[in-house]
Amino acid sequence: MPSIVSVKDVRKVYDSGHEALSGVDLEIQEGEVLALLGPNGAGKTTLISTICGITTKTNGTITVGGHDTVTDFRAARNLIGLVPQEINLEPFEQVINTVRFSRGLFGKRSNAAYVDEVLKTLSLDDKATAQIKELSGGMKRRVLIAKALSHEPRVLFLDEPTAGVDVELRKDMWETVAQLKAQGVTIILTTHYIEEAEAIADRIAVINKGKILLVEEKAKLMARMGQKELRIELAEPLQALPAGFEDVDLSLSDDGGTLIYTYDTAGERTGITSLLTDLQKAGIVLKDLQTRQSSLEDIFVGLVHKEDEA
């Protein structure tokens, strides 16, 4: 699949000396949903702002649809829709006029049918003539997306799109992203809700301290780095791990009532059968067994923690 956004060796150093981006390389494929994850201050918003031309890079090259964002800025920017974190809308303007105005800013001719379709896709059609001040926070975020889509971009950046939105509206937003993807829009989102990335992203990019730690297909990442836990509930609590289990990836819960065994799902053997046999031989009576698959959040936290220790 071809790249629609290409970022090569991009750095951003502020006058203070702070390096917000440190040699970032990133290829974003056309038609995908890419989730950009990272802790606060990792460089997510700086990277998006730099691609969109809001922040000036120190060096490196960025192209969007083959257009350099510096030497051919207007053509590159016309391909981009940006939904910022902050809600900054004219409170007394009608929803439909707000979207029409944004379309005009990009030099697009009026297209009532397209604007109506955007509002319908975002469930804003019944709010078209409402003033912005009359809308809920979730609806205002939908208006931001409608504005970003007004000029028919091929790439849509969503910077924390569901911040402050309740769970129900968040899931509605996920469905909206799926609809936009089906229409061929490439979507890049930053989010603090890891389950959001797990639910809708095709690929995951993790950034920390201005560096991309990895970019990988979500399913492959979770298969490669995901682990399972076998939680063994005991009939009687233990004071410590029994002798002979020091070399097994086994730990004891704080209350002594559960043994936790971690194993690799991709391994040829899990070792569970021999573990249970050895526990039985040691006279340990089991009460219940449960398994738990590592989530994307576990993987993300592990990657960032490892980088912070480096």
C-alpha atoms as a PDB file:
ATOM      1  CA  MET A   1       0.000   0.000   0.000  1.00  0.00           C
ATOM      2  CA  PRO A   2       1.514   3.402  -0.982  1.00  0.00           C
ATOM      3  CA  SER A   3       2.392   6.091   1.569  1.00  0.00           C
ATOM      4  CA  ILE A   4       0.307   9.243   1.475  1.00  0.00           C
ATOM      5  CA  VAL A   5       2.327  10.962   4.238  1.00  0.00           C
ATOM      6  CA  SER A   6       6.096  10.581   4.357  1.00  0.00           C
ATOM      7  CA  VAL A   7       8.162  11.953   7.264  1.00  0.00           C
ATOM      8  CA  LYS A   8      11.930  11.608   6.975  1.00  0.00           C
ATOM      9  CA  ASP A   9      14.509  12.541   9.612  1.00  0.00           C
ATOM     10  CA  VAL A  10      12.383  15.373  11.017  1.00  0.00           C
ATOM     11  CA  ARG A  11      13.689  17.325  13.999  1.00  0.00           C
ATOM     12  CA  LYS A  12      12.141  20.184  15.913  1.00  0.00           C
ATOM     13  CA  VAL A  13      14.346  22.129  18.307  1.00  0.00           C
ATOM     14  CA  TYR A  14      12.910  25.192  20.068  1.00  0.00           C
ATOM     15  CA  ASP A  15      14.900  28.322  20.914  1.00  0.00           C
ATOM     16  CA  SER A  16      15.116  27.100  24.498  1.00  0.00           C
ATOM     17  CA  GLY A  17      17.117  24.111  23.269  1.00  0.00           C
ATOM     18  CA  HIS A  18      14.315  21.621  23.901  1.00  0.00           C
ATOM     19  CA  GLU A  19      14.243  18.942  21.194  1.00  0.00           C
ATOM     20  CA  ALA A  20      10.574  18.048  20.698  1.00  0.00           C
ATOM     21  CA  LEU A  21      11.187  15.783  17.682  1.00  0.00           C
ATOM     22  CA  SER A  22      14.398  13.822  17.256  1.00  0.00           C
ATOM     23  CA  GLY A  23      14.957  12.399  13.765  1.00  0.00           C
ATOM     24  CA  VAL A  24      11.411  11.119  13.231  1.00  0.00           C
ATOM     25  CA  ASP A  25      10.819   8.731  10.331  1.00  0.00           C
ATOM     26  CA  LEU A  26       7.222   7.735   9.617  1.00  0.00           C
ATOM     27  CA  GLU A  27       5.405   6.420   6.558  1.00  0.00           C
ATOM     28  CA  ILE A  28       1.594   6.643   6.724  1.00  0.00           C
ATOM     29  CA  GLN A  29      -0.184   4.390   4.272  1.00  0.00           C
ATOM     30  CA  GLU A  30      -3.105   5.566   2.177  1.00  0.00           C
ATOM     31  CA  GLY A  31      -6.473   4.465   3.526  1.00  0.00           C
ATOM     32  CA  GLU A  32      -5.274   3.275   6.933  1.00  0.00           C
ATOM     33  CA  VAL A  33      -6.139   4.274  10.488  1.00  0.00           C
ATOM     34  CA  LEU A  34      -2.903   4.952  12.367  1.00  0.00           C
ATOM     35  CA  ALA A  35      -2.976   5.491  16.123  1.00  0.00           C
ATOM     36  CA  LEU A  36      -0.113   7.627  17.431  1.00  0.00           C
ATOM     37  CA  LEU A  37       0.409   6.780  21.093  1.00  0.00           C
ATOM     38  CA  GLY A  38       2.689   8.360  23.644  1.00  0.00           C
ATOM     39  CA  PRO A  39       2.713   9.901  27.135  1.00  0.00           C
ATOM     40  CA  ASN A  40       2.196  13.624  27.735  1.00  0.00           C
ATOM     41  CA  GLY A  41       5.037  15.611  26.214  1.00  0.00           C
ATOM     42  CA  ALA A  42       6.119  12.744  23.942  1.00  0.00           C
ATOM     43  CA  GLY A  43       5.833  14.850  20.778  1.00  0.00           C
ATOM     44  CA  LYS A  44       2.473  13.696  19.376  1.00  0.00           C
ATOM     45  CA  THR A  45       0.919  17.127  18.886  1.00  0.00           C
ATOM     46  CA  THR A  46       4.232  18.622  17.747  1.00  0.00           C
ATOM     47  CA  LEU A  47       4.529  15.954  15.051  1.00  0.00           C
ATOM     48  CA  ILE A  48       0.976  16.535  13.815  1.00  0.00           C
ATOM     49  CA  SER A  49       1.440  20.320  13.851  1.00  0.00           C
ATOM     50  CA  THR A  50       4.672  19.986  11.907  1.00  0.00           C
ATOM     51  CA  ILE A  51       3.091  17.784   9.233  1.00  0.00           C
ATOM     52  CA  CYS A  52       0.207  20.257   8.941  1.00  0.00           C
ATOM     53  CA  GLY A  53       2.584  23.218   8.597  1.00  0.00           C
ATOM     54  CA  ILE A  54       1.533  24.890  11.853  1.00  0.00           C
ATOM     55  CA  THR A  55       4.933  24.283  13.444  1.00  0.00           C
ATOM     56  CA  THR A  56       8.147  24.861  11.486  1.00  0.00           C
ATOM     57  CA  LYS A  57      10.508  21.908  11.519  1.00  0.00           C
ATOM     58  CA  THR A  58      14.205  22.407  12.212  1.00  0.00           C
ATOM     59  CA  ASN A  59      15.236  19.971   9.496  1.00  0.00           C
ATOM     60  CA  GLY A  60      14.072  16.907   7.570  1.00  0.00           C
ATOM     61  CA  THR A  61      11.453  16.490   4.848  1.00  0.00           C
ATOM     62  CA  ILE A  62       7.695  15.908   4.900  1.00  0.00           C
ATOM     63  CA  THR A  63       5.497  15.179   1.909  1.00  0.00           C
ATOM     64  CA  VAL A  64       1.723  14.730   1.731  1.00  0.00           C
ATOM     65  CA  GLY A  65       0.396  13.131  -1.431  1.00  0.00           C
ATOM     66  CA  GLY A  66       3.825  13.706  -2.969  1.00  0.00           C
ATOM     67  CA  HIS A  67       3.775  17.460  -2.202  1.00  0.00           C
ATOM     68  CA  ASP A  68       6.543  18.896  -0.016  1.00  0.00           C
ATOM     69  CA  THR A  69       5.001  20.716   2.955  1.00  0.00           C
ATOM     70  CA  VAL A  70       7.459  23.622   2.567  1.00  0.00           C
ATOM     71  CA  THR A  71       8.092  24.090  -1.148  1.00  0.00           C
ATOM     72  CA  ASP A  72       4.543  23.085  -2.153  1.00  0.00           C
ATOM     73  CA  PHE A  73       2.718  23.989   1.040  1.00  0.00           C
ATOM     74  CA  ARG A  74      -0.668  24.947  -0.415  1.00  0.00           C
ATOM     75  CA  ALA A  75      -1.103  21.707  -2.376  1.00  0.00           C
ATOM     76  CA  ALA A  76      -0.008  19.634   0.649  1.00  0.00           C
ATOM     77  CA  ARG A  77      -2.281  21.499   3.068  1.00  0.00           C
ATOM     78  CA  ASN A  78      -5.287  21.134   0.769  1.00  0.00           C
ATOM     79  CA  LEU A  79      -5.030  17.365   1.256  1.00  0.00           C
ATOM     80  CA  ILE A  80      -5.123  17.648   5.062  1.00  0.00           C
ATOM     81  CA  GLY A  81      -7.991  17.996   7.512  1.00  0.00           C
ATOM     82  CA  LEU A  82      -7.059  18.758  11.126  1.00  0.00           C
ATOM     83  CA  VAL A  83      -9.218  18.336  14.214  1.00  0.00           C
ATOM     84  CA  PRO A  84      -7.370  20.047  17.096  1.00  0.00           C
ATOM     85  CA  GLN A  85      -7.648  19.231  20.793  1.00  0.00           C
ATOM     86  CA  GLU A  86      -9.120  22.616  21.686  1.00  0.00           C
ATOM     87  CA  ILE A  87     -12.717  23.467  20.849  1.00  0.00           C
ATOM     88  CA  ASN A  88     -12.519  26.924  19.267  1.00  0.00           C
ATOM     89  CA  LEU A  89     -15.788  27.711  17.494  1.00  0.00           C
ATOM     90  CA  GLU A  90     -17.829  30.861  16.975  1.00  0.00           C
ATOM     91  CA  PRO A  91     -20.637  30.339  19.559  1.00  0.00           C
ATOM     92  CA  PHE A  92     -23.343  32.352  17.763  1.00  0.00           C
ATOM     93  CA  GLU A  93     -22.796  30.881  14.291  1.00  0.00           C
ATOM     94  CA  GLN A  94     -24.973  28.130  12.863  1.00  0.00           C
ATOM     95  CA  VAL A  95     -23.431  24.700  12.396  1.00  0.00           C
ATOM     96  CA  ILE A  96     -23.971  24.602   8.638  1.00  0.00           C
ATOM     97  CA  ASN A  97     -22.502  28.083   8.106  1.00  0.00           C
ATOM     98  CA  THR A  98     -19.446  27.146  10.160  1.00  0.00           C
ATOM     99  CA  VAL A  99     -18.783  24.192   7.865  1.00  0.00           C
ATOM    100  CA  ARG A 100     -19.481  26.187   4.699  1.00  0.00           C
ATOM    101  CA  PHE A 101     -17.074  28.916   5.827  1.00  0.00           C
ATOM    102  CA  SER A 102     -14.266  26.395   6.392  1.00  0.00           C
ATOM    103  CA  ARG A 103     -14.812  25.002   2.896  1.00  0.00           C
ATOM    104  CA  GLY A 104     -14.523  28.510   1.473  1.00  0.00           C
ATOM    105  CA  LEU A 105     -11.231  29.131   3.266  1.00  0.00           C
ATOM    106  CA  PHE A 106      -9.679  26.406   1.106  1.00  0.00           C
ATOM    107  CA  GLY A 107     -11.002  28.001  -2.068  1.00  0.00           C
ATOM    108  CA  LYS A 108     -13.559  25.274  -2.698  1.00  0.00           C
ATOM    109  CA  ARG A 109     -16.741  26.108  -4.547  1.00  0.00           C
ATOM    110  CA  SER A 110     -19.974  25.762  -2.610  1.00  0.00           C
ATOM    111  CA  ASN A 111     -21.366  22.236  -2.647  1.00  0.00           C
ATOM    112  CA  ALA A 112     -24.551  21.978  -0.621  1.00  0.00           C
ATOM    113  CA  ALA A 113     -24.946  18.247  -1.278  1.00  0.00           C
ATOM    114  CA  TYR A 114     -21.444  17.455   0.023  1.00  0.00           C
ATOM    115  CA  VAL A 115     -21.848  19.617   3.147  1.00  0.00           C
ATOM    116  CA  ASP A 116     -25.213  17.980   3.861  1.00  0.00           C
ATOM    117  CA  GLU A 117     -23.609  14.531   3.487  1.00  0.00           C
ATOM    118  CA  VAL A 118     -20.814  15.440   5.928  1.00  0.00           C
ATOM    119  CA  LEU A 119     -23.354  16.632   8.491  1.00  0.00           C
ATOM    120  CA  LYS A 120     -25.384  13.464   8.009  1.00  0.00           C
ATOM    121  CA  THR A 121     -22.313  11.232   8.421  1.00  0.00           C
ATOM    122  CA  LEU A 122     -21.545  12.959  11.728  1.00  0.00           C
ATOM    123  CA  SER A 123     -25.184  12.895  12.903  1.00  0.00           C
ATOM    124  CA  LEU A 124     -25.315  16.676  12.764  1.00  0.00           C
ATOM    125  CA  ASP A 125     -27.995  16.983  10.076  1.00  0.00           C
ATOM    126  CA  ASP A 126     -30.707  17.743  12.627  1.00  0.00           C
ATOM    127  CA  LYS A 127     -28.451  20.404  14.204  1.00  0.00           C
ATOM    128  CA  ALA A 128     -27.574  22.162  10.934  1.00  0.00           C
ATOM    129  CA  THR A 129     -29.327  25.426  11.817  1.00  0.00           C
ATOM    130  CA  ALA A 130     -28.538  25.312  15.529  1.00  0.00           C
ATOM    131  CA  GLN A 131     -26.099  27.811  16.994  1.00  0.00           C
ATOM    132  CA  ILE A 132     -22.815  26.355  18.241  1.00  0.00           C
ATOM    133  CA  LYS A 133     -23.517  27.542  21.790  1.00  0.00           C
ATOM    134  CA  GLU A 134     -26.584  25.292  21.911  1.00  0.00           C
ATOM    135  CA  LEU A 135     -24.563  22.099  21.367  1.00  0.00           C
ATOM    136  CA  SER A 136     -23.092  19.671  23.879  1.00  0.00           C
ATOM    137  CA  GLY A 137     -19.333  19.163  24.110  1.00  0.00           C
ATOM    138  CA  GLY A 138     -19.563  15.954  22.096  1.00  0.00           C
ATOM    139  CA  MET A 139     -21.542  17.632  19.333  1.00  0.00           C
ATOM    140  CA  LYS A 140     -19.059  20.497  19.187  1.00  0.00           C
ATOM    141  CA  ARG A 141     -16.296  17.961  18.578  1.00  0.00           C
ATOM    142  CA  ARG A 142     -18.354  16.575  15.699  1.00  0.00           C
ATOM    143  CA  VAL A 143     -18.553  20.098  14.272  1.00  0.00           C
ATOM    144  CA  LEU A 144     -14.744  20.289  14.433  1.00  0.00           C
ATOM    145  CA  ILE A 145     -14.574  17.090  12.384  1.00  0.00           C
ATOM    146  CA  ALA A 146     -17.142  18.455   9.925  1.00  0.00           C
ATOM    147  CA  LYS A 147     -15.020  21.601   9.505  1.00  0.00           C
ATOM    148  CA  ALA A 148     -11.930  19.460   8.917  1.00  0.00           C
ATOM    149  CA  LEU A 149     -13.772  17.436   6.255  1.00  0.00           C
ATOM    150  CA  SER A 150     -15.376  20.449   4.585  1.00  0.00           C
ATOM    151  CA  HIS A 151     -12.752  20.760   1.832  1.00  0.00           C
ATOM    152  CA  GLU A 152     -12.706  17.019   1.018  1.00  0.00           C
ATOM    153  CA  PRO A 153      -9.243  16.135   2.406  1.00  0.00           C
ATOM    154  CA  ARG A 154      -7.576  12.777   1.799  1.00  0.00           C
ATOM    155  CA  VAL A 155      -5.827  12.798   5.187  1.00  0.00           C
ATOM    156  CA  LEU A 156      -7.551  13.526   8.497  1.00  0.00           C
ATOM    157  CA  PHE A 157      -5.645  14.206  11.719  1.00  0.00           C
ATOM    158  CA  LEU A 158      -7.601  13.724  14.935  1.00  0.00           C
ATOM    159  CA  ASP A 159      -5.731  15.113  17.945  1.00  0.00           C
ATOM    160  CA  GLU A 160      -7.395  13.642  21.054  1.00  0.00           C
ATOM    161  CA  PRO A 161     -10.816  13.534  19.309  1.00  0.00           C
ATOM    162  CA  THR A 162     -12.729  12.023  22.231  1.00  0.00           C
ATOM    163  CA  ALA A 163     -11.195  13.984  25.120  1.00  0.00           C
ATOM    164  CA  GLY A 164     -13.972  14.889  27.522  1.00  0.00           C
ATOM    165  CA  VAL A 165     -16.542  12.837  25.606  1.00  0.00           C
ATOM    166  CA  ASP A 166     -18.630  10.224  27.407  1.00  0.00           C
ATOM    167  CA  VAL A 167     -18.299   6.522  26.605  1.00  0.00           C
ATOM    168  CA  GLU A 168     -21.405   6.376  24.399  1.00  0.00           C
ATOM    169  CA  LEU A 169     -20.330   9.311  22.245  1.00  0.00           C
ATOM    170  CA  ARG A 170     -16.802   7.885  22.103  1.00  0.00           C
ATOM    171  CA  LYS A 171     -18.125   4.683  20.564  1.00  0.00           C
ATOM    172  CA  ASP A 172     -20.207   6.727  18.127  1.00  0.00           C
ATOM    173  CA  MET A 173     -16.991   8.492  17.141  1.00  0.00           C
ATOM    174  CA  TRP A 174     -15.324   5.132  16.500  1.00  0.00           C
ATOM    175  CA  GLU A 175     -18.160   4.282  14.102  1.00  0.00           C
ATOM    176  CA  THR A 176     -17.667   7.642  12.379  1.00  0.00           C
ATOM    177  CA  VAL A 177     -13.958   6.889  11.910  1.00  0.00           C
ATOM    178  CA  ALA A 178     -14.867   3.508  10.389  1.00  0.00           C
ATOM    179  CA  GLN A 179     -17.254   5.243   7.954  1.00  0.00           C
ATOM    180  CA  LEU A 180     -14.613   7.766   6.922  1.00  0.00           C
ATOM    181  CA  LYS A 181     -12.072   5.006   6.383  1.00  0.00           C
ATOM    182  CA  ALA A 182     -14.590   3.166   4.191  1.00  0.00           C
ATOM    183  CA  GLN A 183     -14.809   6.349   2.094  1.00  0.00           C
ATOM    184  CA  GLY A 184     -11.033   6.233   1.547  1.00  0.00           C
ATOM    185  CA  VAL A 185      -9.930   8.850   4.081  1.00  0.00           C
ATOM    186  CA  THR A 186      -6.572   8.201   5.755  1.00  0.00           C
ATOM    187  CA  ILE A 187      -6.884   8.826   9.492  1.00  0.00           C
ATOM    188  CA  ILE A 188      -4.199   9.546  12.067  1.00  0.00           C
ATOM    189  CA  LEU A 189      -5.336   9.922  15.647  1.00  0.00           C
ATOM    190  CA  THR A 190      -3.622  10.634  18.916  1.00  0.00           C
ATOM    191  CA  THR A 191      -5.371   9.376  22.012  1.00  0.00           C
ATOM    192  CA  HIS A 192      -4.905   8.734  25.711  1.00  0.00           C
ATOM    193  CA  TYR A 193      -7.568   6.028  25.557  1.00  0.00           C
ATOM    194  CA  ILE A 194      -5.589   2.920  24.646  1.00  0.00           C
ATOM    195  CA  GLU A 195      -8.809   0.938  24.111  1.00  0.00           C
ATOM    196  CA  GLU A 196      -9.652   3.466  21.394  1.00  0.00           C
ATOM    197  CA  ALA A 197      -6.524   2.549  19.441  1.00  0.00           C
ATOM    198  CA  GLU A 198      -7.151  -1.126  20.102  1.00  0.00           C
ATOM    199  CA  ALA A 199     -10.691  -0.822  18.743  1.00  0.00           C
ATOM    200  CA  ILE A 200     -10.184   1.143  15.524  1.00  0.00           C
ATOM    201  CA  ALA A 201      -6.509   1.338  14.465  1.00  0.00           C
ATOM    202  CA  ASP A 202      -4.903  -0.711  11.695  1.00  0.00           C
ATOM    203  CA  ARG A 203      -1.394   0.182  12.800  1.00  0.00           C
ATOM    204  CA  ILE A 204       0.140   1.526  15.989  1.00  0.00           C
ATOM    205  CA  ALA A 205       2.975   4.056  16.241  1.00  0.00           C
ATOM    206  CA  VAL A 206       4.503   4.716  19.653  1.00  0.00           C
ATOM    207  CA  ILE A 207       6.397   7.950  20.273  1.00  0.00           C
ATOM    208  CA  ASN A 208       8.337   8.961  23.378  1.00  0.00           C
ATOM    209  CA  LYS A 209      10.785  11.803  23.983  1.00  0.00           C
ATOM    210  CA  GLY A 210      10.402  12.874  20.367  1.00  0.00           C
ATOM    211  CA  LYS A 211      11.417   9.489  18.948  1.00  0.00           C
ATOM    212  CA  ILE A 212       9.314   6.845  17.218  1.00  0.00           C
ATOM    213  CA  LEU A 213       9.815   3.623  19.173  1.00  0.00           C
ATOM    214  CA  LEU A 214       7.936   1.398  16.733  1.00  0.00           C
ATOM    215  CA  VAL A 215       5.364   1.327  13.951  1.00  0.00           C
ATOM    216  CA  GLU A 216       3.596  -1.967  13.456  1.00  0.00           C
ATOM    217  CA  GLU A 217       0.302  -3.535  12.480  1.00  0.00           C
ATOM    218  CA  LYS A 218      -1.850  -3.773  15.572  1.00  0.00           C
ATOM    219  CA  ALA A 219      -2.591  -7.485  15.257  1.00  0.00           C
ATOM    220  CA  LYS A 220       1.068  -8.382  14.628  1.00  0.00           C
ATOM    221  CA  LEU A 221       2.228  -6.185  17.503  1.00  0.00           C
ATOM    222  CA  MET A 222      -0.145  -7.799  19.957  1.00  0.00           C
ATOM    223  CA  ALA A 223       0.763 -11.273  18.714  1.00  0.00           C
ATOM    224  CA  ARG A 224       4.502 -10.541  18.902  1.00  0.00           C
ATOM    225  CA  MET A 225       4.610  -8.745  22.223  1.00  0.00           C
ATOM    226  CA  GLY A 226       1.423  -9.946  23.841  1.00  0.00           C
ATOM    227  CA  GLN A 227       1.656 -12.399  26.695  1.00  0.00           C
ATOM    228  CA  LYS A 228      -0.891 -14.351  28.634  1.00  0.00           C
ATOM    229  CA  GLU A 229      -1.237 -14.704  32.354  1.00  0.00           C
ATOM    230  CA  LEU A 230      -2.519 -17.825  34.050  1.00  0.00           C
ATOM    231  CA  ARG A 231      -3.902 -16.870  37.437  1.00  0.00           C
ATOM    232  CA  ILE A 232      -4.068 -19.835  39.765  1.00  0.00           C
ATOM    233  CA  GLU A 233      -6.344 -19.284  42.734  1.00  0.00           C
ATOM    234  CA  LEU A 234      -5.257 -21.385  45.704  1.00  0.00           C
ATOM    235  CA  ALA A 235      -7.395 -23.228  48.220  1.00  0.00           C
ATOM    236  CA  GLU A 236      -5.042 -22.035  50.978  1.00  0.00           C
ATOM    237  CA  PRO A 237      -2.821 -18.934  50.792  1.00  0.00           C
ATOM    238  CA  LEU A 238       0.969 -19.277  50.720  1.00  0.00           C
ATOM    239  CA  GLN A 239       3.540 -17.258  52.628  1.00  0.00           C
ATOM    240  CA  ALA A 240       6.057 -17.507  49.781  1.00  0.00           C
ATOM    241  CA  LEU A 241       6.694 -19.292  46.488  1.00  0.00           C
ATOM    242  CA  PRO A 242       7.333 -22.996  47.098  1.00  0.00           C
ATOM    243  CA  ALA A 243      10.892 -24.271  46.719  1.00  0.00           C
ATOM    244  CA  GLY A 244      11.842 -25.484  43.248  1.00  0.00           C
ATOM    245  CA  PHE A 245       9.837 -22.835  41.342  1.00  0.00           C
ATOM    246  CA  GLU A 246      12.515 -20.121  41.321  1.00  0.00           C
ATOM    247  CA  ASP A 247      13.310 -20.633  37.619  1.00  0.00           C
ATOM    248  CA  VAL A 248       9.666 -20.482  36.514  1.00  0.00           C
ATOM    249  CA  ASP A 249       8.056 -17.147  35.515  1.00  0.00           C
ATOM    250  CA  LEU A 250       5.809 -17.432  38.524  1.00  0.00           C
ATOM    251  CA  SER A 251       4.869 -14.811  41.120  1.00  0.00           C
ATOM    252  CA  LEU A 252       2.684 -14.718  44.203  1.00  0.00           C
ATOM    253  CA  SER A 253      -0.001 -12.107  44.796  1.00  0.00           C
ATOM    254  CA  ASP A 254       0.347  -9.815  47.821  1.00  0.00           C
ATOM    255  CA  ASP A 255      -2.323 -11.695  49.748  1.00  0.00           C
ATOM    256  CA  GLY A 256      -0.707 -15.050  48.955  1.00  0.00           C
ATOM    257  CA  GLY A 257      -3.945 -16.407  47.527  1.00  0.00           C
ATOM    258  CA  THR A 258      -3.029 -16.418  43.817  1.00  0.00           C
ATOM    259  CA  LEU A 259      -0.089 -17.662  41.785  1.00  0.00           C
ATOM    260  CA  ILE A 260       0.499 -15.742  38.530  1.00  0.00           C
ATOM    261  CA  TYR A 261       2.226 -17.533  35.648  1.00  0.00           C
ATOM    262  CA  THR A 262       3.235 -15.543  32.554  1.00  0.00           C
ATOM    263  CA  TYR A 263       3.807 -17.289  29.246  1.00  0.00           C
ATOM    264  CA  ASP A 264       4.351 -16.481  25.588  1.00  0.00           C
ATOM    265  CA  THR A 265       1.373 -17.287  23.371  1.00  0.00           C
ATOM    266  CA  ALA A 266       3.682 -17.660  20.352  1.00  0.00           C
ATOM    267  CA  GLY A 267       5.883 -20.274  22.019  1.00  0.00           C
ATOM    268  CA  GLU A 268       5.793 -23.915  20.986  1.00  0.00           C
ATOM    269  CA  ARG A 269       4.807 -24.902  24.507  1.00  0.00           C
ATOM    270  CA  THR A 270       3.186 -22.896  27.253  1.00  0.00           C
ATOM    271  CA  GLY A 271       4.545 -25.006  30.113  1.00  0.00           C
ATOM    272  CA  ILE A 272       1.162 -24.953  31.835  1.00  0.00           C
ATOM    273  CA  THR A 273       0.731 -28.723  31.991  1.00  0.00           C
ATOM    274  CA  SER A 274       4.109 -29.336  33.635  1.00  0.00           C
ATOM    275  CA  LEU A 275       3.556 -26.396  35.999  1.00  0.00           C
ATOM    276  CA  LEU A 276       0.218 -27.721  37.226  1.00  0.00           C
ATOM    277  CA  THR A 277       1.726 -31.195  37.635  1.00  0.00           C
ATOM    278  CA  ASP A 278       4.633 -29.803  39.674  1.00  0.00           C
ATOM    279  CA  LEU A 279       2.270 -27.770  41.858  1.00  0.00           C
ATOM    280  CA  GLN A 280       0.224 -30.884  42.551  1.00  0.00           C
ATOM    281  CA  LYS A 281       3.380 -32.813  43.473  1.00  0.00           C
ATOM    282  CA  ALA A 282       4.305 -29.996  45.858  1.00  0.00           C
ATOM    283  CA  GLY A 283       0.994 -30.514  47.653  1.00  0.00           C
ATOM    284  CA  ILE A 284      -0.529 -27.208  46.565  1.00  0.00           C
ATOM    285  CA  VAL A 285      -4.307 -27.429  46.152  1.00  0.00           C
ATOM    286  CA  LEU A 286      -5.801 -25.336  43.373  1.00  0.00           C
ATOM    287  CA  LYS A 287      -9.207 -23.687  43.624  1.00  0.00           C
ATOM    288  CA  ASP A 288      -9.666 -22.015  40.224  1.00  0.00           C
ATOM    289  CA  LEU A 289      -7.813 -21.068  37.020  1.00  0.00           C
ATOM    290  CA  GLN A 290      -8.182 -17.960  34.866  1.00  0.00           C
ATOM    291  CA  THR A 291      -6.267 -16.654  31.838  1.00  0.00           C
ATOM    292  CA  ARG A 292      -5.756 -13.037  30.802  1.00  0.00           C
ATOM    293  CA  GLN A 293      -4.352 -11.740  27.487  1.00  0.00           C
ATOM    294  CA  SER A 294      -2.036  -8.724  27.531  1.00  0.00           C
ATOM    295  CA  SER A 295      -3.787  -5.627  26.211  1.00  0.00           C
ATOM    296  CA  LEU A 296      -2.369  -2.944  23.967  1.00  0.00           C
ATOM    297  CA  GLU A 297      -2.117  -0.786  27.082  1.00  0.00           C
ATOM    298  CA  ASP A 298       0.186  -3.324  28.739  1.00  0.00           C
ATOM    299  CA  ILE A 299       2.413  -3.340  25.645  1.00  0.00           C
ATOM    300  CA  PHE A 300       2.432   0.465  25.414  1.00  0.00           C
ATOM    301  CA  VAL A 301       3.302   0.968  29.085  1.00  0.00           C
ATOM    302  CA  GLY A 302       6.067  -1.623  28.812  1.00  0.00           C
ATOM    303  CA  LEU A 303       7.614   0.054  25.762  1.00  0.00           C
ATOM    304  CA  VAL A 304       7.564   3.533  27.272  1.00  0.00           C
ATOM    305  CA  HIS A 305       8.891   2.278  30.621  1.00  0.00           C
ATOM    306  CA  LYS A 306      11.753   0.495  28.862  1.00  0.00           C
ATOM    307  CA  GLU A 307      12.615   3.651  26.902  1.00  0.00           C
ATOM    308  CA  ASP A 308      12.543   5.799  30.052  1.00  0.00           C
ATOM    309  CA  GLU A 309      15.002   3.454  31.741  1.00  0.00           C
ATOM    310  CA  ALA A 310      17.394   3.543  28.771  1.00  0.00           C
END
